Amino acid sequence: MPTRTSIDEKLSALDALAAERDRSIQLARIKDALGDRHYRVAARAARLAGDGLVYEAVPDLMAAYPRFLEPPAKRDPNCLAKKAIARALVNLECDDAAFFLDGLRYRQHEPVWGGSIDTAVDVRCSCAMGLVATGYARALVELAALLHDPDAEARAGAARAIACGNPREAELLLRAKVLAGDADARVIGECFTGLLATEPDESLAFVAGYLSDPDEVVRELAALALGESRLEGALEALREAWNGVLVPAEFRRVLLRAAAMHRSEPAFDWLASLIAQSSPRVIGDIVETLAPYKSNAKLAARLREALAKTGDRALQAKFDKLWEP
């Protein structure tokens, strides 16, 4: 077993590769490190290969992966090497569907206080994305099972991968998941985002319908997904929700965030117009929500003018503090 010092030296040598200009030297050292028996060294090499788009390393990544399967928890605790290798193969556009199919079903349970934990969730998520990217005809059929994985992160990863597949099939799976619900609302949020990306025209009204959902988190995630989509009709849906009856203050703050995420001139115009008709608390929320866009000179000038008309010096001072260059 290599000493701790030798492992750290190998990791430091890999970190130093970032400054190496000779591509052939980089490739040789990455390949050599991928052949190392220690999981941390192989993981670091895999990250370098993936981040650096070292396509020539694909065969070595494929060869390295099986070494960390048995005994899994001892050879590769927390799936550190396997996670890095799977992610690298996705980045490097590996087209081996069989590899990703195997990874899609991989589990690695490790003991923790009070039970065990599956450390292979990230492996399954990466392999889901990789499988879709290969163009494998039955990719979304295979991902349907992952959409019902016991782990919420795996289900969310499945939703993200499904959204990259055939739009019609993706819409069917993602809608079905939304309608069935999930114990973790974040999974539904990923489905909202996926639907608006894959079939925007067909999904806008469907997602907007959840702005009045009884579940506070679900309606907030619907609002954020609509804002992030930047679809023209999404802003109108957010405005309609704002004008609803008895809208909770916290949801109004989410609607402001969602409109800001839209990042369109109509969205900024609407938010600025709210200053003339809102309470000081809401105006303060608007100033805070739009602060990340303070480099937008036109928006800054409009907000400054609207705030001056309120005559509220405290709000103007808040604006000056948050929006100073």
C-alpha atoms as a PDB file:
ATOM      1  CA  MET A   1       0.000   0.000   0.000  1.00  0.00           C
ATOM      2  CA  PRO A   2       1.531   3.380  -0.956  1.00  0.00           C
ATOM      3  CA  THR A   3       2.452   5.693   1.877  1.00  0.00           C
ATOM      4  CA  ARG A   4       0.443   8.840   2.586  1.00  0.00           C
ATOM      5  CA  THR A   5       3.435  10.923   1.511  1.00  0.00           C
ATOM      6  CA  SER A   6       3.736   9.190  -1.858  1.00  0.00           C
ATOM      7  CA  ILE A   7       0.010   9.678  -2.516  1.00  0.00           C
ATOM      8  CA  ASP A   8       0.201  13.379  -1.688  1.00  0.00           C
ATOM      9  CA  GLU A   9       3.246  13.737  -3.927  1.00  0.00           C
ATOM     10  CA  LYS A  10       1.359  12.143  -6.815  1.00  0.00           C
ATOM     11  CA  LEU A  11      -1.605  14.442  -6.250  1.00  0.00           C
ATOM     12  CA  SER A  12       0.657  17.495  -6.151  1.00  0.00           C
ATOM     13  CA  ALA A  13       2.345  16.393  -9.370  1.00  0.00           C
ATOM     14  CA  LEU A  14      -1.063  16.116 -11.039  1.00  0.00           C
ATOM     15  CA  ASP A  15      -2.064  19.562  -9.786  1.00  0.00           C
ATOM     16  CA  ALA A  16       1.104  20.943 -11.348  1.00  0.00           C
ATOM     17  CA  LEU A  17       0.037  19.646 -14.765  1.00  0.00           C
ATOM     18  CA  ALA A  18      -2.157  22.729 -15.200  1.00  0.00           C
ATOM     19  CA  ALA A  19       1.004  24.713 -15.955  1.00  0.00           C
ATOM     20  CA  GLU A  20       2.373  22.106 -18.376  1.00  0.00           C
ATOM     21  CA  ARG A  21       2.169  23.356 -21.952  1.00  0.00           C
ATOM     22  CA  ASP A  22       3.291  20.171 -23.654  1.00  0.00           C
ATOM     23  CA  ARG A  23       0.099  18.225 -24.445  1.00  0.00           C
ATOM     24  CA  SER A  24       1.979  14.956 -24.901  1.00  0.00           C
ATOM     25  CA  ILE A  25       3.484  15.226 -21.419  1.00  0.00           C
ATOM     26  CA  GLN A  26       0.076  16.010 -19.924  1.00  0.00           C
ATOM     27  CA  LEU A  27      -1.475  13.011 -21.649  1.00  0.00           C
ATOM     28  CA  ALA A  28       1.296  10.649 -20.576  1.00  0.00           C
ATOM     29  CA  ARG A  29       1.061  11.695 -16.926  1.00  0.00           C
ATOM     30  CA  ILE A  30      -2.736  11.521 -16.869  1.00  0.00           C
ATOM     31  CA  LYS A  31      -2.660   8.038 -18.403  1.00  0.00           C
ATOM     32  CA  ASP A  32      -0.044   6.934 -15.892  1.00  0.00           C
ATOM     33  CA  ALA A  33      -2.125   8.285 -12.982  1.00  0.00           C
ATOM     34  CA  LEU A  34      -5.268   6.579 -14.270  1.00  0.00           C
ATOM     35  CA  GLY A  35      -3.367   3.311 -13.914  1.00  0.00           C
ATOM     36  CA  ASP A  36      -2.630   4.010 -10.243  1.00  0.00           C
ATOM     37  CA  ARG A  37      -4.266   1.669  -7.738  1.00  0.00           C
ATOM     38  CA  HIS A  38      -5.101   4.442  -5.287  1.00  0.00           C
ATOM     39  CA  TYR A  39      -8.589   5.876  -5.765  1.00  0.00           C
ATOM     40  CA  ARG A  40      -7.618   9.484  -4.989  1.00  0.00           C
ATOM     41  CA  VAL A  41      -4.881   9.532  -7.602  1.00  0.00           C
ATOM     42  CA  ALA A  42      -7.124   7.999 -10.275  1.00  0.00           C
ATOM     43  CA  ALA A  43      -9.938  10.391  -9.382  1.00  0.00           C
ATOM     44  CA  ARG A  44      -7.680  13.433  -9.705  1.00  0.00           C
ATOM     45  CA  ALA A  45      -6.424  12.209 -13.075  1.00  0.00           C
ATOM     46  CA  ALA A  46      -9.987  11.606 -14.275  1.00  0.00           C
ATOM     47  CA  ARG A  47     -11.010  15.147 -13.326  1.00  0.00           C
ATOM     48  CA  LEU A  48      -8.010  16.546 -15.209  1.00  0.00           C
ATOM     49  CA  ALA A  49      -8.897  14.497 -18.278  1.00  0.00           C
ATOM     50  CA  GLY A  50     -12.544  15.542 -18.201  1.00  0.00           C
ATOM     51  CA  ASP A  51     -11.999  19.209 -17.416  1.00  0.00           C
ATOM     52  CA  GLY A  52      -9.152  19.467 -19.927  1.00  0.00           C
ATOM     53  CA  LEU A  53     -11.093  17.642 -22.656  1.00  0.00           C
ATOM     54  CA  VAL A  54      -8.316  15.096 -23.050  1.00  0.00           C
ATOM     55  CA  TYR A  55     -10.217  12.863 -25.484  1.00  0.00           C
ATOM     56  CA  GLU A  56      -7.229  10.559 -25.925  1.00  0.00           C
ATOM     57  CA  ALA A  57      -7.692   9.411 -22.317  1.00  0.00           C
ATOM     58  CA  VAL A  58     -11.090   7.760 -22.918  1.00  0.00           C
ATOM     59  CA  PRO A  59      -9.682   4.210 -23.303  1.00  0.00           C
ATOM     60  CA  ASP A  60      -7.630   4.627 -20.116  1.00  0.00           C
ATOM     61  CA  LEU A  61     -10.661   5.908 -18.202  1.00  0.00           C
ATOM     62  CA  MET A  62     -12.663   2.911 -19.374  1.00  0.00           C
ATOM     63  CA  ALA A  63      -9.874   0.556 -18.319  1.00  0.00           C
ATOM     64  CA  ALA A  64      -9.486   2.212 -14.906  1.00  0.00           C
ATOM     65  CA  TYR A  65     -13.140   1.998 -13.856  1.00  0.00           C
ATOM     66  CA  PRO A  66     -13.368  -1.804 -13.264  1.00  0.00           C
ATOM     67  CA  ARG A  67     -10.400  -1.751 -10.874  1.00  0.00           C
ATOM     68  CA  PHE A  68     -12.487   0.145  -8.341  1.00  0.00           C
ATOM     69  CA  LEU A  69     -15.486  -2.191  -8.344  1.00  0.00           C
ATOM     70  CA  GLU A  70     -14.266  -4.972  -6.044  1.00  0.00           C
ATOM     71  CA  PRO A  71     -14.260  -4.721  -3.110  1.00  0.00           C
ATOM     72  CA  PRO A  72     -15.993  -1.396  -3.724  1.00  0.00           C
ATOM     73  CA  ALA A  73     -16.037   0.301  -0.317  1.00  0.00           C
ATOM     74  CA  LYS A  74     -12.425  -0.619   0.371  1.00  0.00           C
ATOM     75  CA  ARG A  75     -11.010  -0.006  -3.090  1.00  0.00           C
ATOM     76  CA  ASP A  76     -12.995   3.182  -3.744  1.00  0.00           C
ATOM     77  CA  PRO A  77     -14.670   4.668  -0.637  1.00  0.00           C
ATOM     78  CA  ASN A  78     -17.458   7.140  -1.400  1.00  0.00           C
ATOM     79  CA  CYS A  79     -17.140   6.165  -5.074  1.00  0.00           C
ATOM     80  CA  LEU A  80     -14.599   8.942  -5.453  1.00  0.00           C
ATOM     81  CA  ALA A  81     -12.767   7.401  -8.418  1.00  0.00           C
ATOM     82  CA  LYS A  82     -15.851   5.990 -10.122  1.00  0.00           C
ATOM     83  CA  LYS A  83     -17.699   9.303  -9.844  1.00  0.00           C
ATOM     84  CA  ALA A  84     -14.792  11.195 -11.380  1.00  0.00           C
ATOM     85  CA  ILE A  85     -14.360   8.646 -14.168  1.00  0.00           C
ATOM     86  CA  ALA A  86     -18.071   8.629 -15.068  1.00  0.00           C
ATOM     87  CA  ARG A  87     -18.198  12.426 -15.145  1.00  0.00           C
ATOM     88  CA  ALA A  88     -15.061  12.582 -17.279  1.00  0.00           C
ATOM     89  CA  LEU A  89     -16.485  10.101 -19.783  1.00  0.00           C
ATOM     90  CA  VAL A  90     -19.606  12.230 -20.129  1.00  0.00           C
ATOM     91  CA  ASN A  91     -17.500  15.372 -20.696  1.00  0.00           C
ATOM     92  CA  LEU A  92     -15.415  13.507 -23.258  1.00  0.00           C
ATOM     93  CA  GLU A  93     -18.513  12.376 -25.175  1.00  0.00           C
ATOM     94  CA  CYS A  94     -17.875   8.676 -24.692  1.00  0.00           C
ATOM     95  CA  ASP A  95     -20.323   6.722 -26.852  1.00  0.00           C
ATOM     96  CA  ASP A  96     -20.159   3.391 -25.012  1.00  0.00           C
ATOM     97  CA  ALA A  97     -23.841   2.858 -24.169  1.00  0.00           C
ATOM     98  CA  ALA A  98     -23.087  -0.440 -22.434  1.00  0.00           C
ATOM     99  CA  PHE A  99     -20.828   1.315 -19.918  1.00  0.00           C
ATOM    100  CA  PHE A 100     -23.479   3.891 -19.080  1.00  0.00           C
ATOM    101  CA  LEU A 101     -26.204   1.253 -18.837  1.00  0.00           C
ATOM    102  CA  ASP A 102     -24.152  -0.646 -16.246  1.00  0.00           C
ATOM    103  CA  GLY A 103     -23.421   2.551 -14.323  1.00  0.00           C
ATOM    104  CA  LEU A 104     -27.084   3.480 -14.362  1.00  0.00           C
ATOM    105  CA  ARG A 105     -27.825   0.462 -12.168  1.00  0.00           C
ATOM    106  CA  TYR A 106     -24.779   0.651  -9.897  1.00  0.00           C
ATOM    107  CA  ARG A 107     -25.234   0.848  -6.121  1.00  0.00           C
ATOM    108  CA  GLN A 108     -22.574   1.098  -3.414  1.00  0.00           C
ATOM    109  CA  HIS A 109     -23.885   1.005   0.122  1.00  0.00           C
ATOM    110  CA  GLU A 110     -21.435   2.058   2.811  1.00  0.00           C
ATOM    111  CA  PRO A 111     -21.926   2.088   6.577  1.00  0.00           C
ATOM    112  CA  VAL A 112     -22.710   5.332   8.364  1.00  0.00           C
ATOM    113  CA  TRP A 113     -23.895   6.055  11.883  1.00  0.00           C
ATOM    114  CA  GLY A 114     -27.287   4.410  12.278  1.00  0.00           C
ATOM    115  CA  GLY A 115     -27.346   2.542   8.972  1.00  0.00           C
ATOM    116  CA  SER A 116     -25.885   2.824   5.487  1.00  0.00           C
ATOM    117  CA  ILE A 117     -25.784   5.239   2.593  1.00  0.00           C
ATOM    118  CA  ASP A 118     -25.637   4.724  -1.153  1.00  0.00           C
ATOM    119  CA  THR A 119     -22.524   6.576  -2.347  1.00  0.00           C
ATOM    120  CA  ALA A 120     -23.059   5.810  -6.045  1.00  0.00           C
ATOM    121  CA  VAL A 121     -25.854   8.325  -6.692  1.00  0.00           C
ATOM    122  CA  ASP A 122     -23.538  10.650  -8.615  1.00  0.00           C
ATOM    123  CA  VAL A 123     -22.335   7.718 -10.729  1.00  0.00           C
ATOM    124  CA  ARG A 124     -25.918   6.941 -11.738  1.00  0.00           C
ATOM    125  CA  CYS A 125     -26.672  10.594 -12.529  1.00  0.00           C
ATOM    126  CA  SER A 126     -23.588  10.940 -14.724  1.00  0.00           C
ATOM    127  CA  CYS A 127     -24.336   7.688 -16.509  1.00  0.00           C
ATOM    128  CA  ALA A 128     -27.911   8.833 -17.127  1.00  0.00           C
ATOM    129  CA  MET A 129     -26.630  11.937 -18.897  1.00  0.00           C
ATOM    130  CA  GLY A 130     -23.995   9.944 -20.729  1.00  0.00           C
ATOM    131  CA  LEU A 131     -26.492   7.359 -21.945  1.00  0.00           C
ATOM    132  CA  VAL A 132     -28.782  10.011 -23.420  1.00  0.00           C
ATOM    133  CA  ALA A 133     -25.809  11.659 -25.135  1.00  0.00           C
ATOM    134  CA  THR A 134     -24.881   8.420 -26.894  1.00  0.00           C
ATOM    135  CA  GLY A 135     -28.161   8.500 -28.819  1.00  0.00           C
ATOM    136  CA  TYR A 136     -29.100   5.058 -27.496  1.00  0.00           C
ATOM    137  CA  ALA A 137     -32.628   4.436 -28.789  1.00  0.00           C
ATOM    138  CA  ARG A 138     -34.043   3.172 -25.478  1.00  0.00           C
ATOM    139  CA  ALA A 139     -32.245   5.680 -23.265  1.00  0.00           C
ATOM    140  CA  LEU A 140     -35.384   7.289 -21.835  1.00  0.00           C
ATOM    141  CA  VAL A 141     -36.949   3.873 -21.252  1.00  0.00           C
ATOM    142  CA  GLU A 142     -33.930   2.998 -19.113  1.00  0.00           C
ATOM    143  CA  LEU A 143     -34.083   6.342 -17.311  1.00  0.00           C
ATOM    144  CA  ALA A 144     -37.699   5.806 -16.289  1.00  0.00           C
ATOM    145  CA  ALA A 145     -36.503   3.527 -13.481  1.00  0.00           C
ATOM    146  CA  LEU A 146     -34.012   6.138 -12.241  1.00  0.00           C
ATOM    147  CA  LEU A 147     -36.843   8.654 -12.095  1.00  0.00           C
ATOM    148  CA  HIS A 148     -38.201   6.462  -9.268  1.00  0.00           C
ATOM    149  CA  ASP A 149     -34.861   5.810  -7.554  1.00  0.00           C
ATOM    150  CA  PRO A 150     -34.952   5.694  -3.718  1.00  0.00           C
ATOM    151  CA  ASP A 151     -32.550   8.666  -3.609  1.00  0.00           C
ATOM    152  CA  ALA A 152     -33.967  12.126  -4.379  1.00  0.00           C
ATOM    153  CA  GLU A 153     -30.707  13.333  -5.931  1.00  0.00           C
ATOM    154  CA  ALA A 154     -30.790  10.404  -8.353  1.00  0.00           C
ATOM    155  CA  ARG A 155     -34.402  11.218  -9.279  1.00  0.00           C
ATOM    156  CA  ALA A 156     -33.457  14.838  -9.886  1.00  0.00           C
ATOM    157  CA  GLY A 157     -30.493  13.717 -11.987  1.00  0.00           C
ATOM    158  CA  ALA A 158     -32.808  11.495 -14.005  1.00  0.00           C
ATOM    159  CA  ALA A 159     -35.083  14.462 -14.706  1.00  0.00           C
ATOM    160  CA  ARG A 160     -32.142  16.551 -15.923  1.00  0.00           C
ATOM    161  CA  ALA A 161     -30.951  13.757 -18.204  1.00  0.00           C
ATOM    162  CA  ILE A 162     -34.434  13.009 -19.531  1.00  0.00           C
ATOM    163  CA  ALA A 163     -34.793  16.652 -20.537  1.00  0.00           C
ATOM    164  CA  CYS A 164     -31.826  16.154 -22.900  1.00  0.00           C
ATOM    165  CA  GLY A 165     -33.524  13.301 -24.749  1.00  0.00           C
ATOM    166  CA  ASN A 166     -36.222  13.086 -27.399  1.00  0.00           C
ATOM    167  CA  PRO A 167     -38.612  15.988 -26.615  1.00  0.00           C
ATOM    168  CA  ARG A 168     -41.878  14.073 -26.968  1.00  0.00           C
ATOM    169  CA  GLU A 169     -40.734  11.135 -24.872  1.00  0.00           C
ATOM    170  CA  ALA A 170     -39.163  13.507 -22.350  1.00  0.00           C
ATOM    171  CA  GLU A 171     -42.365  15.515 -22.030  1.00  0.00           C
ATOM    172  CA  LEU A 172     -44.358  12.364 -21.361  1.00  0.00           C
ATOM    173  CA  LEU A 173     -42.019  11.129 -18.609  1.00  0.00           C
ATOM    174  CA  LEU A 174     -41.586  14.504 -16.935  1.00  0.00           C
ATOM    175  CA  ARG A 175     -45.307  15.308 -16.949  1.00  0.00           C
ATOM    176  CA  ALA A 176     -46.097  11.884 -15.528  1.00  0.00           C
ATOM    177  CA  LYS A 177     -43.609  12.476 -12.728  1.00  0.00           C
ATOM    178  CA  VAL A 178     -45.055  15.883 -11.898  1.00  0.00           C
ATOM    179  CA  LEU A 179     -48.574  14.489 -11.816  1.00  0.00           C
ATOM    180  CA  ALA A 180     -47.493  11.571  -9.625  1.00  0.00           C
ATOM    181  CA  GLY A 181     -45.655  13.909  -7.259  1.00  0.00           C
ATOM    182  CA  ASP A 182     -42.500  13.304  -5.269  1.00  0.00           C
ATOM    183  CA  ALA A 183     -41.555  13.280  -1.607  1.00  0.00           C
ATOM    184  CA  ASP A 184     -38.834  15.820  -2.438  1.00  0.00           C
ATOM    185  CA  ALA A 185     -40.231  18.867  -4.241  1.00  0.00           C
ATOM    186  CA  ARG A 186     -36.816  19.596  -5.779  1.00  0.00           C
ATOM    187  CA  VAL A 187     -37.400  16.670  -8.133  1.00  0.00           C
ATOM    188  CA  ILE A 188     -40.620  18.296  -9.325  1.00  0.00           C
ATOM    189  CA  GLY A 189     -38.682  21.529  -9.793  1.00  0.00           C
ATOM    190  CA  GLU A 190     -36.227  19.750 -12.093  1.00  0.00           C
ATOM    191  CA  CYS A 191     -39.186  18.364 -14.032  1.00  0.00           C
ATOM    192  CA  PHE A 192     -40.616  21.885 -14.429  1.00  0.00           C
ATOM    193  CA  THR A 193     -37.275  23.137 -15.758  1.00  0.00           C
ATOM    194  CA  GLY A 194     -36.956  20.192 -18.101  1.00  0.00           C
ATOM    195  CA  LEU A 195     -40.455  20.590 -19.487  1.00  0.00           C
ATOM    196  CA  LEU A 196     -39.966  24.273 -20.238  1.00  0.00           C
ATOM    197  CA  ALA A 197     -36.688  23.482 -22.004  1.00  0.00           C
ATOM    198  CA  THR A 198     -37.844  20.521 -24.086  1.00  0.00           C
ATOM    199  CA  GLU A 199     -41.405  21.476 -25.037  1.00  0.00           C
ATOM    200  CA  PRO A 200     -41.824  25.159 -24.084  1.00  0.00           C
ATOM    201  CA  ASP A 201     -44.968  25.866 -26.086  1.00  0.00           C
ATOM    202  CA  GLU A 202     -46.753  22.792 -24.768  1.00  0.00           C
ATOM    203  CA  SER A 203     -45.493  23.075 -21.194  1.00  0.00           C
ATOM    204  CA  LEU A 204     -45.878  26.757 -20.326  1.00  0.00           C
ATOM    205  CA  ALA A 205     -49.520  26.547 -19.265  1.00  0.00           C
ATOM    206  CA  PHE A 206     -48.914  23.224 -17.518  1.00  0.00           C
ATOM    207  CA  VAL A 207     -46.122  24.616 -15.316  1.00  0.00           C
ATOM    208  CA  ALA A 208     -47.921  27.937 -14.770  1.00  0.00           C
ATOM    209  CA  GLY A 209     -50.840  25.975 -13.366  1.00  0.00           C
ATOM    210  CA  TYR A 210     -48.682  25.073 -10.392  1.00  0.00           C
ATOM    211  CA  LEU A 211     -48.279  28.725  -9.365  1.00  0.00           C
ATOM    212  CA  SER A 212     -51.429  28.189  -7.311  1.00  0.00           C
ATOM    213  CA  ASP A 213     -50.467  24.756  -5.969  1.00  0.00           C
ATOM    214  CA  PRO A 214     -51.317  24.189  -2.284  1.00  0.00           C
ATOM    215  CA  ASP A 215     -47.724  23.114  -1.645  1.00  0.00           C
ATOM    216  CA  GLU A 216     -45.708  26.270  -0.990  1.00  0.00           C
ATOM    217  CA  VAL A 217     -42.430  24.779  -2.237  1.00  0.00           C
ATOM    218  CA  VAL A 218     -43.968  23.413  -5.439  1.00  0.00           C
ATOM    219  CA  ARG A 219     -45.473  26.759  -6.424  1.00  0.00           C
ATOM    220  CA  GLU A 220     -42.185  28.523  -5.650  1.00  0.00           C
ATOM    221  CA  LEU A 221     -40.255  26.072  -7.824  1.00  0.00           C
ATOM    222  CA  ALA A 222     -42.786  26.568 -10.625  1.00  0.00           C
ATOM    223  CA  ALA A 223     -42.249  30.331 -10.434  1.00  0.00           C
ATOM    224  CA  LEU A 224     -38.467  30.022 -10.503  1.00  0.00           C
ATOM    225  CA  ALA A 225     -38.567  27.577 -13.410  1.00  0.00           C
ATOM    226  CA  LEU A 226     -40.765  29.990 -15.366  1.00  0.00           C
ATOM    227  CA  GLY A 227     -38.434  32.896 -14.682  1.00  0.00           C
ATOM    228  CA  GLU A 228     -35.356  30.895 -15.594  1.00  0.00           C
ATOM    229  CA  SER A 229     -36.975  29.768 -18.863  1.00  0.00           C
ATOM    230  CA  ARG A 230     -37.038  33.372 -20.108  1.00  0.00           C
ATOM    231  CA  LEU A 231     -40.066  32.519 -22.227  1.00  0.00           C
ATOM    232  CA  GLU A 232     -42.205  35.508 -23.178  1.00  0.00           C
ATOM    233  CA  GLY A 233     -45.366  33.900 -21.832  1.00  0.00           C
ATOM    234  CA  ALA A 234     -43.621  33.021 -18.565  1.00  0.00           C
ATOM    235  CA  LEU A 235     -43.448  36.666 -17.516  1.00  0.00           C
ATOM    236  CA  GLU A 236     -47.182  37.094 -18.094  1.00  0.00           C
ATOM    237  CA  ALA A 237     -47.850  34.050 -15.906  1.00  0.00           C
ATOM    238  CA  LEU A 238     -45.738  35.557 -13.123  1.00  0.00           C
ATOM    239  CA  ARG A 239     -47.564  38.875 -13.391  1.00  0.00           C
ATOM    240  CA  GLU A 240     -50.931  37.131 -13.169  1.00  0.00           C
ATOM    241  CA  ALA A 241     -49.791  35.282 -10.057  1.00  0.00           C
ATOM    242  CA  TRP A 242     -48.658  38.588  -8.529  1.00  0.00           C
ATOM    243  CA  ASN A 243     -52.095  40.101  -9.102  1.00  0.00           C
ATOM    244  CA  GLY A 244     -53.848  37.176  -7.430  1.00  0.00           C
ATOM    245  CA  VAL A 245     -55.943  37.444  -4.287  1.00  0.00           C
ATOM    246  CA  LEU A 246     -54.304  36.936  -0.874  1.00  0.00           C
ATOM    247  CA  VAL A 247     -50.831  36.220  -2.243  1.00  0.00           C
ATOM    248  CA  PRO A 248     -48.497  35.402   0.704  1.00  0.00           C
ATOM    249  CA  ALA A 249     -45.633  37.852   1.248  1.00  0.00           C
ATOM    250  CA  GLU A 250     -43.008  35.115   0.917  1.00  0.00           C
ATOM    251  CA  PHE A 251     -44.415  34.008  -2.431  1.00  0.00           C
ATOM    252  CA  ARG A 252     -44.386  37.604  -3.629  1.00  0.00           C
ATOM    253  CA  ARG A 253     -40.636  37.684  -2.909  1.00  0.00           C
ATOM    254  CA  VAL A 254     -40.222  34.505  -4.963  1.00  0.00           C
ATOM    255  CA  LEU A 255     -42.203  36.052  -7.829  1.00  0.00           C
ATOM    256  CA  LEU A 256     -39.863  39.053  -7.743  1.00  0.00           C
ATOM    257  CA  ARG A 257     -36.849  36.737  -7.925  1.00  0.00           C
ATOM    258  CA  ALA A 258     -38.400  34.784 -10.779  1.00  0.00           C
ATOM    259  CA  ALA A 259     -39.122  37.951 -12.761  1.00  0.00           C
ATOM    260  CA  ALA A 260     -35.558  39.162 -12.196  1.00  0.00           C
ATOM    261  CA  MET A 261     -34.261  35.801 -13.463  1.00  0.00           C
ATOM    262  CA  HIS A 262     -36.203  36.439 -16.687  1.00  0.00           C
ATOM    263  CA  ARG A 263     -33.624  39.187 -17.391  1.00  0.00           C
ATOM    264  CA  SER A 264     -35.691  40.750 -20.160  1.00  0.00           C
ATOM    265  CA  GLU A 265     -36.451  44.433 -20.611  1.00  0.00           C
ATOM    266  CA  PRO A 266     -40.197  43.821 -20.087  1.00  0.00           C
ATOM    267  CA  ALA A 267     -39.406  42.018 -16.828  1.00  0.00           C
ATOM    268  CA  PHE A 268     -37.206  44.859 -15.592  1.00  0.00           C
ATOM    269  CA  ASP A 269     -39.805  47.411 -16.698  1.00  0.00           C
ATOM    270  CA  TRP A 270     -42.522  45.604 -14.767  1.00  0.00           C
ATOM    271  CA  LEU A 271     -40.450  45.337 -11.597  1.00  0.00           C
ATOM    272  CA  ALA A 272     -39.538  49.014 -11.756  1.00  0.00           C
ATOM    273  CA  SER A 273     -43.178  49.976 -12.283  1.00  0.00           C
ATOM    274  CA  LEU A 274     -44.162  48.175  -9.085  1.00  0.00           C
ATOM    275  CA  ILE A 275     -42.274  50.738  -7.016  1.00  0.00           C
ATOM    276  CA  ALA A 276     -44.970  53.386  -7.545  1.00  0.00           C
ATOM    277  CA  GLN A 277     -47.728  51.120  -6.226  1.00  0.00           C
ATOM    278  CA  SER A 278     -46.082  49.023  -3.510  1.00  0.00           C
ATOM    279  CA  SER A 279     -45.400  49.223   0.202  1.00  0.00           C
ATOM    280  CA  PRO A 280     -41.909  50.169   1.470  1.00  0.00           C
ATOM    281  CA  ARG A 281     -41.272  46.518   2.356  1.00  0.00           C
ATOM    282  CA  VAL A 282     -42.021  45.342  -1.186  1.00  0.00           C
ATOM    283  CA  ILE A 283     -39.992  48.184  -2.670  1.00  0.00           C
ATOM    284  CA  GLY A 284     -37.064  47.153  -0.502  1.00  0.00           C
ATOM    285  CA  ASP A 285     -37.425  43.606  -1.786  1.00  0.00           C
ATOM    286  CA  ILE A 286     -37.372  44.879  -5.376  1.00  0.00           C
ATOM    287  CA  VAL A 287     -34.201  46.878  -4.753  1.00  0.00           C
ATOM    288  CA  GLU A 288     -32.501  43.821  -3.236  1.00  0.00           C
ATOM    289  CA  THR A 289     -33.745  41.412  -5.898  1.00  0.00           C
ATOM    290  CA  LEU A 290     -32.470  43.538  -8.771  1.00  0.00           C
ATOM    291  CA  ALA A 291     -29.109  44.393  -7.157  1.00  0.00           C
ATOM    292  CA  PRO A 292     -27.242  41.640  -9.089  1.00  0.00           C
ATOM    293  CA  TYR A 293     -28.067  43.625 -12.243  1.00  0.00           C
ATOM    294  CA  LYS A 294     -26.631  46.941 -11.025  1.00  0.00           C
ATOM    295  CA  SER A 295     -24.328  47.098 -14.050  1.00  0.00           C
ATOM    296  CA  ASN A 296     -27.451  47.734 -16.147  1.00  0.00           C
ATOM    297  CA  ALA A 297     -27.259  51.530 -16.332  1.00  0.00           C
ATOM    298  CA  LYS A 298     -30.733  51.933 -17.801  1.00  0.00           C
ATOM    299  CA  LEU A 299     -32.311  49.863 -15.028  1.00  0.00           C
ATOM    300  CA  ALA A 300     -30.343  51.672 -12.334  1.00  0.00           C
ATOM    301  CA  ALA A 301     -31.476  55.062 -13.641  1.00  0.00           C
ATOM    302  CA  ARG A 302     -35.105  53.968 -13.765  1.00  0.00           C
ATOM    303  CA  LEU A 303     -35.036  52.618 -10.217  1.00  0.00           C
ATOM    304  CA  ARG A 304     -33.318  55.744  -8.910  1.00  0.00           C
ATOM    305  CA  GLU A 305     -35.979  57.930 -10.526  1.00  0.00           C
ATOM    306  CA  ALA A 306     -38.840  55.788  -9.189  1.00  0.00           C
ATOM    307  CA  LEU A 307     -37.389  55.798  -5.684  1.00  0.00           C
ATOM    308  CA  ALA A 308     -36.946  59.572  -5.732  1.00  0.00           C
ATOM    309  CA  LYS A 309     -40.665  59.926  -6.403  1.00  0.00           C
ATOM    310  CA  THR A 310     -41.491  57.953  -3.257  1.00  0.00           C
ATOM    311  CA  GLY A 311     -39.658  60.482  -1.101  1.00  0.00           C
ATOM    312  CA  ASP A 312     -38.535  57.636   1.171  1.00  0.00           C
ATOM    313  CA  ARG A 313     -34.968  58.467   2.176  1.00  0.00           C
ATOM    314  CA  ALA A 314     -34.409  55.104   3.841  1.00  0.00           C
ATOM    315  CA  LEU A 315     -35.194  53.275   0.625  1.00  0.00           C
ATOM    316  CA  GLN A 316     -32.987  55.623  -1.375  1.00  0.00           C
ATOM    317  CA  ALA A 317     -30.150  55.013   1.057  1.00  0.00           C
ATOM    318  CA  LYS A 318     -30.649  51.267   0.723  1.00  0.00           C
ATOM    319  CA  PHE A 319     -30.502  51.605  -3.055  1.00  0.00           C
ATOM    320  CA  ASP A 320     -27.290  53.655  -2.864  1.00  0.00           C
ATOM    321  CA  LYS A 321     -25.664  51.043  -0.632  1.00  0.00           C
ATOM    322  CA  LEU A 322     -26.658  48.014  -2.690  1.00  0.00           C
ATOM    323  CA  TRP A 323     -26.233  49.560  -6.127  1.00  0.00           C
ATOM    324  CA  GLU A 324     -22.998  51.479  -5.657  1.00  0.00           C
ATOM    325  CA  PRO A 325     -20.484  50.614  -8.419  1.00  0.00           C
END
